[in-house]
C-alpha atoms as a PDB file:
ATOM      1  CA  MET A   1      -1.757 -20.734  -8.022  1.00  0.00           C
ATOM      2  CA  GLN A   2      -2.231 -17.593  -5.911  1.00  0.00           C
ATOM      3  CA  ALA A   3       1.181 -17.887  -4.226  1.00  0.00           C
ATOM      4  CA  SER A   4       2.968 -18.352  -7.547  1.00  0.00           C
ATOM      5  CA  GLU A   5       1.086 -15.414  -9.077  1.00  0.00           C
ATOM      6  CA  LYS A   6       2.152 -13.228  -6.175  1.00  0.00           C
ATOM      7  CA  GLN A   7       5.740 -14.415  -6.515  1.00  0.00           C
ATOM      8  CA  ARG A   8       5.804 -13.627 -10.233  1.00  0.00           C
ATOM      9  CA  ALA A   9       4.324 -10.172  -9.719  1.00  0.00           C
ATOM     10  CA  ALA A  10       6.817  -9.430  -6.934  1.00  0.00           C
ATOM     11  CA  GLU A  11       9.789 -10.539  -9.028  1.00  0.00           C
ATOM     12  CA  ALA A  12       8.555  -8.428 -11.941  1.00  0.00           C
ATOM     13  CA  ALA A  13       8.291  -5.412  -9.630  1.00  0.00           C
ATOM     14  CA  ALA A  14      11.835  -5.959  -8.344  1.00  0.00           C
ATOM     15  CA  GLY A  15      12.973  -5.896 -11.959  1.00  0.00           C
ATOM     16  CA  TRP A  16      11.946  -2.224 -12.195  1.00  0.00           C
ATOM     17  CA  VAL A  17      14.663  -1.217  -9.726  1.00  0.00           C
ATOM     18  CA  ARG A  18      17.754   0.291 -11.351  1.00  0.00           C
ATOM     19  CA  ASP A  19      21.263   0.474  -9.973  1.00  0.00           C
ATOM     20  CA  GLY A  20      22.024   3.547  -7.893  1.00  0.00           C
ATOM     21  CA  THR A  21      18.399   4.481  -7.207  1.00  0.00           C
ATOM     22  CA  THR A  22      16.547   5.292  -4.005  1.00  0.00           C
ATOM     23  CA  ILE A  23      13.267   3.460  -3.699  1.00  0.00           C
ATOM     24  CA  GLY A  24      10.274   3.238  -1.396  1.00  0.00           C
ATOM     25  CA  LEU A  25       9.094  -0.133  -0.137  1.00  0.00           C
ATOM     26  CA  GLY A  26       5.582  -0.685   1.199  1.00  0.00           C
ATOM     27  CA  SER A  27       4.595  -3.532   3.480  1.00  0.00           C
ATOM     28  CA  GLY A  28       2.884  -6.887   3.382  1.00  0.00           C
ATOM     29  CA  THR A  29       3.582 -10.311   1.950  1.00  0.00           C
ATOM     30  CA  THR A  30       4.071  -9.166  -1.640  1.00  0.00           C
ATOM     31  CA  VAL A  31       6.615  -6.542  -0.622  1.00  0.00           C
ATOM     32  CA  GLU A  32       8.443  -9.155   1.443  1.00  0.00           C
ATOM     33  CA  LEU A  33       8.851 -11.176  -1.757  1.00  0.00           C
ATOM     34  CA  VAL A  34      10.088  -8.039  -3.525  1.00  0.00           C
ATOM     35  CA  VAL A  35      12.672  -7.486  -0.778  1.00  0.00           C
ATOM     36  CA  ARG A  36      13.919 -11.061  -1.124  1.00  0.00           C
ATOM     37  CA  ALA A  37      14.254 -10.640  -4.905  1.00  0.00           C
ATOM     38  CA  LEU A  38      16.132  -7.373  -4.432  1.00  0.00           C
ATOM     39  CA  ALA A  39      18.423  -8.958  -1.848  1.00  0.00           C
ATOM     40  CA  GLU A  40      19.441 -11.518  -4.470  1.00  0.00           C
ATOM     41  CA  ARG A  41      20.307  -8.696  -6.856  1.00  0.00           C
ATOM     42  CA  VAL A  42      22.235  -6.851  -4.132  1.00  0.00           C
ATOM     43  CA  ARG A  43      24.363  -9.947  -3.624  1.00  0.00           C
ATOM     44  CA  THR A  44      25.287  -9.784  -7.320  1.00  0.00           C
ATOM     45  CA  GLY A  45      26.157  -6.091  -7.285  1.00  0.00           C
ATOM     46  CA  LEU A  46      22.977  -4.001  -7.273  1.00  0.00           C
ATOM     47  CA  CYS A  47      23.398  -0.753  -5.320  1.00  0.00           C
ATOM     48  CA  VAL A  48      20.090   0.562  -3.958  1.00  0.00           C
ATOM     49  CA  ARG A  49      18.786   2.493  -0.955  1.00  0.00           C
ATOM     50  CA  ALA A  50      15.276   2.101   0.415  1.00  0.00           C
ATOM     51  CA  VAL A  51      12.793   4.020   2.553  1.00  0.00           C
ATOM     52  CA  PRO A  52      10.562   1.272   4.022  1.00  0.00           C
ATOM     53  CA  ALA A  53       6.968   1.924   5.086  1.00  0.00           C
ATOM     54  CA  SER A  54       7.077  -0.401   8.092  1.00  0.00           C
ATOM     55  CA  GLU A  55       9.543  -1.564  10.695  1.00  0.00           C
ATOM     56  CA  ARG A  56       9.087  -5.143   9.500  1.00  0.00           C
ATOM     57  CA  THR A  57       9.973  -4.200   5.924  1.00  0.00           C
ATOM     58  CA  ALA A  58      12.964  -2.215   7.203  1.00  0.00           C
ATOM     59  CA  ALA A  59      14.249  -5.219   9.150  1.00  0.00           C
ATOM     60  CA  LEU A  60      13.901  -7.511   6.128  1.00  0.00           C
ATOM     61  CA  ALA A  61      15.662  -4.993   3.904  1.00  0.00           C
ATOM     62  CA  ARG A  62      18.594  -4.628   6.298  1.00  0.00           C
ATOM     63  CA  ALA A  63      18.891  -8.398   6.624  1.00  0.00           C
ATOM     64  CA  GLY A  64      19.061  -8.610   2.824  1.00  0.00           C
ATOM     65  CA  GLY A  65      21.862  -6.071   2.560  1.00  0.00           C
ATOM     66  CA  ILE A  66      19.665  -3.247   1.275  1.00  0.00           C
ATOM     67  CA  GLY A  67      20.615   0.176   2.606  1.00  0.00           C
ATOM     68  CA  VAL A  68      17.794   1.643   4.699  1.00  0.00           C
ATOM     69  CA  VAL A  69      17.402   5.435   4.917  1.00  0.00           C
ATOM     70  CA  GLY A  70      14.746   7.868   6.131  1.00  0.00           C
ATOM     71  CA  PHE A  71      13.219  11.070   4.835  1.00  0.00           C
ATOM     72  CA  GLU A  72      15.742  13.120   6.801  1.00  0.00           C
ATOM     73  CA  GLU A  73      18.221  11.889   4.154  1.00  0.00           C
ATOM     74  CA  VAL A  74      15.946  11.680   1.121  1.00  0.00           C
ATOM     75  CA  GLU A  75      13.751  14.296  -0.539  1.00  0.00           C
ATOM     76  CA  ARG A  76      12.333  12.266  -3.413  1.00  0.00           C
ATOM     77  CA  LEU A  77      12.174   8.593  -4.329  1.00  0.00           C
ATOM     78  CA  ASP A  78      12.919   7.336  -7.818  1.00  0.00           C
ATOM     79  CA  LEU A  79      10.448   4.483  -7.441  1.00  0.00           C
ATOM     80  CA  ALA A  80       8.055   3.014  -4.876  1.00  0.00           C
ATOM     81  CA  ILE A  81       6.907  -0.603  -4.869  1.00  0.00           C
ATOM     82  CA  ASP A  82       3.933  -1.890  -2.921  1.00  0.00           C
ATOM     83  CA  GLY A  83       1.087  -4.361  -2.994  1.00  0.00           C
ATOM     84  CA  ALA A  84      -2.652  -3.817  -2.539  1.00  0.00           C
ATOM     85  CA  ASP A  85      -5.634  -5.522  -0.969  1.00  0.00           C
ATOM     86  CA  GLU A  86      -7.899  -4.514  -3.871  1.00  0.00           C
ATOM     87  CA  VAL A  87      -7.408  -2.693  -7.182  1.00  0.00           C
ATOM     88  CA  ASP A  88     -10.213  -1.524  -9.458  1.00  0.00           C
ATOM     89  CA  PRO A  89     -10.019  -0.912 -13.250  1.00  0.00           C
ATOM     90  CA  ALA A  90      -9.025   2.742 -12.710  1.00  0.00           C
ATOM     91  CA  PHE A  91      -6.166   1.713 -10.386  1.00  0.00           C
ATOM     92  CA  ALA A  92      -7.902   2.987  -7.234  1.00  0.00           C
ATOM     93  CA  MET A  93      -6.854   0.746  -4.367  1.00  0.00           C
ATOM     94  CA  ILE A  94      -7.692  -0.344  -0.858  1.00  0.00           C
ATOM     95  CA  LYS A  95      -4.540  -0.796   1.210  1.00  0.00           C
ATOM     96  CA  GLY A  96      -3.788  -1.187   4.887  1.00  0.00           C
ATOM     97  CA  GLY A  97      -4.314  -4.869   5.547  1.00  0.00           C
ATOM     98  CA  GLY A  98      -0.838  -4.832   7.049  1.00  0.00           C
ATOM     99  CA  ALA A  99      -1.624  -1.787   9.232  1.00  0.00           C
ATOM    100  CA  ALA A 100       0.952   0.464   7.522  1.00  0.00           C
ATOM    101  CA  LEU A 101      -1.379   2.648   5.451  1.00  0.00           C
ATOM    102  CA  LEU A 102      -0.195   6.034   6.725  1.00  0.00           C
ATOM    103  CA  ARG A 103       3.465   5.327   6.058  1.00  0.00           C
ATOM    104  CA  GLU A 104       2.626   3.637   2.764  1.00  0.00           C
ATOM    105  CA  LYS A 105       0.829   6.743   1.561  1.00  0.00           C
ATOM    106  CA  VAL A 106       3.715   8.981   2.601  1.00  0.00           C
ATOM    107  CA  VAL A 107       6.144   6.773   0.685  1.00  0.00           C
ATOM    108  CA  ALA A 108       3.896   6.710  -2.382  1.00  0.00           C
ATOM    109  CA  SER A 109       3.439  10.478  -2.343  1.00  0.00           C
ATOM    110  CA  ALA A 110       7.235  10.957  -2.413  1.00  0.00           C
ATOM    111  CA  ALA A 111       7.867   8.699  -5.421  1.00  0.00           C
ATOM    112  CA  GLU A 112       8.356   9.660  -9.044  1.00  0.00           C
ATOM    113  CA  THR A 113       6.937   6.315 -10.186  1.00  0.00           C
ATOM    114  CA  ILE A 114       4.720   3.929  -8.222  1.00  0.00           C
ATOM    115  CA  VAL A 115       4.627   0.228  -9.103  1.00  0.00           C
ATOM    116  CA  ILE A 116       1.907  -1.933  -7.570  1.00  0.00           C
ATOM    117  CA  ALA A 117       2.230  -5.722  -7.670  1.00  0.00           C
ATOM    118  CA  VAL A 118      -0.732  -8.018  -6.989  1.00  0.00           C
ATOM    119  CA  ASP A 119      -2.021 -11.471  -7.798  1.00  0.00           C
ATOM    120  CA  SER A 120      -5.177 -11.887  -9.853  1.00  0.00           C
ATOM    121  CA  THR A 121      -7.449 -12.283  -6.816  1.00  0.00           C
ATOM    122  CA  LYS A 122      -6.824  -8.633  -5.860  1.00  0.00           C
ATOM    123  CA  THR A 123      -8.362  -7.139  -9.010  1.00  0.00           C
ATOM    124  CA  VAL A 124     -12.029  -6.164  -8.638  1.00  0.00           C
ATOM    125  CA  GLU A 125     -14.614  -4.288 -10.652  1.00  0.00           C
ATOM    126  CA  ARG A 126     -15.499  -2.097  -7.674  1.00  0.00           C
ATOM    127  CA  LEU A 127     -13.723  -1.556  -4.367  1.00  0.00           C
ATOM    128  CA  GLY A 128     -15.335  -2.593  -1.106  1.00  0.00           C
ATOM    129  CA  ARG A 129     -15.168  -6.361  -0.785  1.00  0.00           C
ATOM    130  CA  PHE A 130     -12.192  -5.833   1.545  1.00  0.00           C
ATOM    131  CA  PRO A 131     -13.047  -3.742   4.640  1.00  0.00           C
ATOM    132  CA  LEU A 132     -11.529  -0.281   4.396  1.00  0.00           C
ATOM    133  CA  PRO A 133      -8.774   0.361   6.972  1.00  0.00           C
ATOM    134  CA  VAL A 134      -8.709   3.755   8.666  1.00  0.00           C
ATOM    135  CA  GLU A 135      -5.770   4.715  10.888  1.00  0.00           C
ATOM    136  CA  THR A 136      -6.857   6.837  13.847  1.00  0.00           C
ATOM    137  CA  VAL A 137      -5.135   8.470  16.801  1.00  0.00           C
ATOM    138  CA  PRO A 138      -5.826   6.463  19.996  1.00  0.00           C
ATOM    139  CA  PHE A 139      -7.519   9.315  21.872  1.00  0.00           C
ATOM    140  CA  ALA A 140     -10.160   9.744  19.193  1.00  0.00           C
ATOM    141  CA  TRP A 141     -10.912   6.254  17.960  1.00  0.00           C
ATOM    142  CA  PRO A 142     -14.334   5.659  19.649  1.00  0.00           C
ATOM    143  CA  HIS A 143     -15.555   9.057  18.406  1.00  0.00           C
ATOM    144  CA  VAL A 144     -14.156   8.453  14.930  1.00  0.00           C
ATOM    145  CA  ALA A 145     -15.741   4.995  14.799  1.00  0.00           C
ATOM    146  CA  ARG A 146     -19.164   6.436  15.587  1.00  0.00           C
ATOM    147  CA  LEU A 147     -18.859   9.104  12.895  1.00  0.00           C
ATOM    148  CA  ILE A 148     -17.749   6.580  10.284  1.00  0.00           C
ATOM    149  CA  ALA A 149     -20.668   4.325  11.199  1.00  0.00           C
ATOM    150  CA  ARG A 150     -23.010   7.239  10.461  1.00  0.00           C
ATOM    151  CA  LEU A 151     -21.630   7.199   6.906  1.00  0.00           C
ATOM    152  CA  GLY A 152     -23.010   3.688   6.508  1.00  0.00           C
ATOM    153  CA  ALA A 153     -20.128   1.413   7.481  1.00  0.00           C
ATOM    154  CA  ARG A 154     -19.903  -1.407   9.978  1.00  0.00           C
ATOM    155  CA  VAL A 155     -16.850  -0.411  12.006  1.00  0.00           C
ATOM    156  CA  VAL A 156     -14.679  -2.620  14.197  1.00  0.00           C
ATOM    157  CA  ARG A 157     -11.373  -1.962  15.904  1.00  0.00           C
ATOM    158  CA  ARG A 158      -8.773  -4.333  14.485  1.00  0.00           C
ATOM    159  CA  LEU A 159      -7.510  -6.984  16.888  1.00  0.00           C
ATOM    160  CA  ALA A 160      -4.523  -9.295  16.569  1.00  0.00           C
ATOM    161  CA  ALA A 161      -4.850 -13.082  16.655  1.00  0.00           C
ATOM    162  CA  ASN A 162      -4.238 -13.042  20.411  1.00  0.00           C
ATOM    163  CA  GLY A 163      -7.116 -10.608  20.926  1.00  0.00           C
ATOM    164  CA  ALA A 164      -4.918  -7.586  21.620  1.00  0.00           C
ATOM    165  CA  PRO A 165      -5.654  -4.345  19.735  1.00  0.00           C
ATOM    166  CA  VAL A 166      -3.507  -3.814  16.657  1.00  0.00           C
ATOM    167  CA  VAL A 167      -1.210  -0.800  17.031  1.00  0.00           C
ATOM    168  CA  THR A 168       0.548   0.676  13.997  1.00  0.00           C
ATOM    169  CA  ASP A 169       4.227   1.620  13.887  1.00  0.00           C
ATOM    170  CA  ASN A 170       2.991   5.160  14.569  1.00  0.00           C
ATOM    171  CA  GLY A 171       1.210   4.061  17.766  1.00  0.00           C
ATOM    172  CA  ASN A 172      -2.217   4.479  16.174  1.00  0.00           C
ATOM    173  CA  VAL A 173      -5.415   2.418  16.096  1.00  0.00           C
ATOM    174  CA  VAL A 174      -6.750   0.678  12.973  1.00  0.00           C
ATOM    175  CA  LEU A 175     -10.489   0.651  12.296  1.00  0.00           C
ATOM    176  CA  ASP A 176     -11.791  -1.777   9.679  1.00  0.00           C
ATOM    177  CA  CYS A 177     -14.806  -0.208   7.993  1.00  0.00           C
ATOM    178  CA  ALA A 178     -17.101  -2.393   5.892  1.00  0.00           C
ATOM    179  CA  PHE A 179     -18.861  -0.022   3.496  1.00  0.00           C
ATOM    180  CA  GLY A 180     -19.727  -2.573   0.841  1.00  0.00           C
ATOM    181  CA  ALA A 181     -19.302  -1.369  -2.742  1.00  0.00           C
ATOM    182  CA  ILE A 182     -17.525   2.002  -3.002  1.00  0.00           C
ATOM    183  CA  PRO A 183     -18.657   3.762  -6.198  1.00  0.00           C
ATOM    184  CA  ASP A 184     -16.569   6.922  -5.678  1.00  0.00           C
ATOM    185  CA  PRO A 185     -13.346   6.201  -3.769  1.00  0.00           C
ATOM    186  CA  ALA A 186     -12.026   9.769  -4.044  1.00  0.00           C
ATOM    187  CA  HIS A 187     -15.188  11.235  -2.528  1.00  0.00           C
ATOM    188  CA  LEU A 188     -15.223   8.737   0.347  1.00  0.00           C
ATOM    189  CA  GLU A 189     -11.539   9.411   1.030  1.00  0.00           C
ATOM    190  CA  ARG A 190     -12.253  13.142   1.336  1.00  0.00           C
ATOM    191  CA  GLU A 191     -15.203  12.514   3.660  1.00  0.00           C
ATOM    192  CA  LEU A 192     -13.195  10.303   5.964  1.00  0.00           C
ATOM    193  CA  LYS A 193     -10.111  12.506   6.057  1.00  0.00           C
ATOM    194  CA  ALA A 194     -12.306  15.440   7.077  1.00  0.00           C
ATOM    195  CA  ILE A 195     -13.039  13.681  10.390  1.00  0.00           C
ATOM    196  CA  ALA A 196     -10.834  15.026  13.180  1.00  0.00           C
ATOM    197  CA  GLY A 197      -8.749  12.198  14.597  1.00  0.00           C
ATOM    198  CA  VAL A 198      -8.318  10.306  11.336  1.00  0.00           C
ATOM    199  CA  ALA A 199      -4.607   9.974  10.556  1.00  0.00           C
ATOM    200  CA  GLU A 200      -5.013   8.289   7.165  1.00  0.00           C
ATOM    201  CA  VAL A 201      -7.470   6.345   5.028  1.00  0.00           C
ATOM    202  CA  GLY A 202      -6.681   3.148   3.158  1.00  0.00           C
ATOM    203  CA  LEU A 203      -8.066   4.470  -0.124  1.00  0.00           C
ATOM    204  CA  PHE A 204      -5.233   5.113  -2.589  1.00  0.00           C
ATOM    205  CA  VAL A 205      -6.605   7.001  -5.584  1.00  0.00           C
ATOM    206  CA  ASP A 206      -4.383   8.168  -8.447  1.00  0.00           C
ATOM    207  CA  LEU A 207      -1.346   6.641  -6.750  1.00  0.00           C
ATOM    208  CA  CYS A 208      -0.378   3.914  -9.204  1.00  0.00           C
ATOM    209  CA  ASP A 209       1.672   4.376 -12.360  1.00  0.00           C
ATOM    210  CA  VAL A 210       2.315   0.735 -13.226  1.00  0.00           C
ATOM    211  CA  LEU A 211       0.116  -2.196 -12.191  1.00  0.00           C
ATOM    212  CA  LEU A 212       1.686  -5.655 -12.357  1.00  0.00           C
ATOM    213  CA  VAL A 213      -0.806  -8.509 -12.022  1.00  0.00           C
ATOM    214  CA  GLY A 214       0.295 -12.093 -11.652  1.00  0.00           C
ATOM    215  CA  VAL A 215      -2.101 -14.110 -13.814  1.00  0.00           C
ATOM    216  CA  GLY A 216      -1.528 -17.834 -14.134  1.00  0.00           C
ATOM    217  CA  ASP A 217       2.009 -18.397 -15.344  1.00  0.00           C
ATOM    218  CA  GLY A 218       2.633 -14.787 -16.390  1.00  0.00           C
ATOM    219  CA  VAL A 219       2.406 -11.149 -15.388  1.00  0.00           C
ATOM    220  CA  THR A 220       0.265  -8.534 -17.109  1.00  0.00           C
ATOM    221  CA  VAL A 221       1.530  -4.960 -17.185  1.00  0.00           C
ATOM    222  CA  ARG A 222      -0.855  -2.002 -17.191  1.00  0.00           C
ATOM    223  CA  ARG A 223       0.285   1.611 -17.170  1.00  0.00           C
ATOM    224  CA  ARG A 224      -1.378   4.796 -15.990  1.00  0.00           C
ATOM    225  CA  GLU A 225      -2.351   5.837 -19.501  1.00  0.00           C
ATOM    226  CA  ASP A 226      -4.179   2.516 -20.000  1.00  0.00           C
ATOM    227  CA  ARG A 227      -6.769   3.092 -17.307  1.00  0.00           C
ATOM    228  CA  PRO A 228      -9.874   5.296 -17.150  1.00  0.00           C
ATOM    229  CA  PRO A 229      -9.226   8.296 -14.870  1.00  0.00           C
ATOM    230  CA  TYR A 230     -11.184   9.216 -11.759  1.00  0.00           C
ATOM    231  CA  GLY A 231     -10.101  12.791 -12.261  1.00  0.00           C
ATOM    232  CA  PRO A 232      -7.046  14.957 -12.834  1.00  0.00           C
ATOM    233  CA  ARG A 233      -3.690  13.514 -11.855  1.00  0.00           C
ATOM    234  CA  VAL A 234      -2.660  14.472  -8.341  1.00  0.00           C
ATOM    235  CA  PRO A 235       0.720  16.275  -8.444  1.00  0.00           C
ATOM    236  CA  ARG A 236       3.503  14.419  -6.650  1.00  0.00           C
END
């Protein structure tokens, strides 16, 4: 069921894309399904440009006939589509399982509307079941890891299946930080980003306008105004 839920959510997200728009695309398996759905629409006449958040997403988009551009050509995005590793009732998210969190946050911050597509297993009452990714410059990572551990997390450097360290498209290190339940994501994000050497934190707070959740044979749609706020809306 999980795969079909993800597929339905991805196809619903692709349906938000309008002809002639410039969109942001995140990374991960859900976004790959979105790209495939958009490629089908491109073959039938959809005109769309995309700023992808990872080199893998960019390659898939190009292969599907989607025009790929960068921020040297684009000031604002009409829409950004991404997935999430966890989403709580107030739309706060943990992202970065695909090691593209810095670029994903840049893309999200440039978008007028942000659509997040997930399957039902990704919705949680409180963030923290999924270890929190933190992207760190290589020079600083041992120091950063020690400081994060002092905040109460179990910190490990992410390794690939072959045992090699994971390196982001920016050449950075990913630390996976197991904090357990995170009662105040915005506060923890501020604490972590105050550490010198941290490039970005996989906490995405107030960066979701529309949440699409694949549930069984359908997709539920929740909008920003439907969720309890963590605080004032962050200007974008």
